[in-house]
């Protein structure tokens, strides 16, 4: 399950793209989740997307996006998810994700 900012147009656009490229996951807006039941705080959900794995493990930010990509039916998309989580690309992906998350309110409304 991917928990995302349901008010973020960029997030919604990315979700639509993910489903279009064969990703198979449940996406739930953060406003519909009880963070305490997951061991998170409300501010955790406000700051980043979260992936809740079937085993209950949690992955934040770019790692959450990567896990979502890894559910795709398309091999290139699954591989992209692995690359995003890799030791080489992961730190850069984390910085990029942090910038987008911090500025998501500045993206134009047409993105949603």
Protein backbone atom coordinates (compact mmCIF):
# COMPACT_ATOMS: atom_id res chain seq x y z
CA UNK A 1 0.00 0.00 0.00
CA UNK A 2 1.25 3.47 -0.90
CA UNK A 3 0.21 6.32 1.37
CA UNK A 4 0.39 9.67 -0.42
CA UNK A 5 -0.67 13.30 -0.11
CA UNK A 6 -4.15 13.21 -1.63
CA UNK A 7 -4.18 17.00 -1.96
CA UNK A 8 -0.99 17.08 -4.07
CA UNK A 9 -1.61 17.39 -7.80
CA UNK A 10 1.88 16.18 -8.63
CA UNK A 11 1.33 13.10 -6.44
CA UNK A 12 -1.99 12.31 -8.11
CA UNK A 13 -0.43 12.72 -11.57
CA UNK A 14 2.38 10.34 -10.62
CA UNK A 15 -0.15 7.79 -9.36
CA UNK A 16 -2.04 7.91 -12.65
CA UNK A 17 1.23 7.39 -14.52
CA UNK A 18 2.12 4.47 -12.25
CA UNK A 19 -1.15 2.73 -12.94
CA UNK A 20 -0.75 3.43 -16.68
CA UNK A 21 2.60 1.61 -16.69
CA UNK A 22 1.18 -1.45 -15.01
CA UNK A 23 1.87 -0.81 -11.33
CA UNK A 24 -0.34 -2.88 -9.05
CA UNK A 25 -0.70 -1.39 -5.61
CA UNK A 26 -3.32 0.21 -3.44
CA UNK A 27 -2.91 3.96 -3.04
CA UNK A 28 -4.49 5.60 -0.01
CA UNK A 29 -4.53 9.34 0.73
CA UNK A 30 -2.77 10.19 3.98
CA UNK A 31 -5.96 11.85 5.24
CA UNK A 32 -7.64 8.41 5.28
CA UNK A 33 -4.95 6.66 7.32
CA UNK A 34 -4.56 6.35 11.08
CA UNK A 35 -0.82 6.99 11.41
CA UNK A 36 -0.61 5.67 14.97
CA UNK A 37 -1.83 2.24 13.85
CA UNK A 38 1.23 2.09 11.57
CA UNK A 39 3.67 3.41 14.15
CA UNK A 40 3.86 6.80 12.45
CA UNK A 41 2.95 10.32 13.47
CA UNK A 42 0.70 12.75 11.59
CA UNK A 43 3.81 14.78 10.69
CA UNK A 44 5.41 11.65 9.18
CA UNK A 45 2.48 11.39 6.78
CA UNK A 46 2.59 15.12 6.03
CA UNK A 47 6.28 15.03 5.12
CA UNK A 48 6.51 12.08 2.73
CA UNK A 49 4.85 9.20 0.95
CA UNK A 50 5.01 5.84 2.71
CA UNK A 51 5.01 2.27 1.44
CA UNK A 52 3.53 -0.31 3.79
CA UNK A 53 4.86 -3.71 2.73
CA UNK A 54 2.85 -6.90 3.22
CA UNK A 55 5.13 -7.79 6.17
CA UNK A 56 4.31 -4.43 7.79
CA UNK A 57 7.68 -2.83 7.12
CA UNK A 58 7.62 0.85 6.23
CA UNK A 59 9.55 2.65 3.50
CA UNK A 60 9.64 6.44 3.26
CA UNK A 61 9.93 8.92 0.40
CA UNK A 62 11.90 7.79 -2.64
CA UNK A 63 12.06 4.23 -1.26
CA UNK A 64 8.24 4.20 -1.12
CA UNK A 65 8.04 5.34 -4.73
CA UNK A 66 10.61 2.71 -5.73
CA UNK A 67 8.62 -0.05 -4.02
CA UNK A 68 5.50 1.08 -5.89
CA UNK A 69 7.38 0.97 -9.20
CA UNK A 70 8.55 -2.54 -8.41
CA UNK A 71 4.94 -3.75 -8.54
CA UNK A 72 4.67 -3.00 -12.27
CA UNK A 73 3.88 -5.66 -14.83
CA UNK A 74 6.50 -4.00 -17.05
CA UNK A 75 10.08 -5.13 -16.46
CA UNK A 76 11.66 -1.74 -17.30
CA UNK A 77 9.50 -0.03 -14.67
CA UNK A 78 10.34 -2.70 -12.07
CA UNK A 79 14.03 -2.25 -12.86
CA UNK A 80 13.68 1.53 -12.50
CA UNK A 81 12.31 0.95 -9.00
CA UNK A 82 15.34 -1.17 -8.12
CA UNK A 83 17.68 1.47 -9.49
CA UNK A 84 15.98 4.18 -7.42
CA UNK A 85 16.63 2.10 -4.28
CA UNK A 86 20.21 1.21 -5.21
CA UNK A 87 23.19 2.38 -3.18
CA UNK A 88 24.44 4.40 -6.15
CA UNK A 89 21.25 6.20 -7.22
CA UNK A 90 19.35 6.07 -3.91
CA UNK A 91 21.04 9.05 -2.24
CA UNK A 92 20.44 11.25 -5.29
CA UNK A 93 16.85 10.01 -5.61
CA UNK A 94 16.35 10.80 -1.94
CA UNK A 95 17.49 14.38 -2.45
CA UNK A 96 15.28 14.78 -5.50
CA UNK A 97 12.30 13.35 -3.63
CA UNK A 98 12.94 15.66 -0.65
CA UNK A 99 12.98 18.69 -2.95
CA UNK A 100 9.74 17.71 -4.67
CA UNK A 101 8.05 16.95 -1.33
CA UNK A 102 9.13 20.29 0.14
CA UNK A 103 7.90 22.19 -2.92
CA UNK A 104 4.84 20.20 -3.95
CA UNK A 105 2.52 23.07 -3.07
CA UNK A 106 4.26 25.24 -5.66
CA UNK A 107 3.52 22.98 -8.62
CA UNK A 108 0.80 24.26 -10.94
CA UNK A 109 -2.76 23.08 -10.41
CA UNK A 110 -2.90 21.50 -13.88
CA UNK A 111 -0.59 18.75 -12.65
CA UNK A 112 -3.46 17.21 -10.73
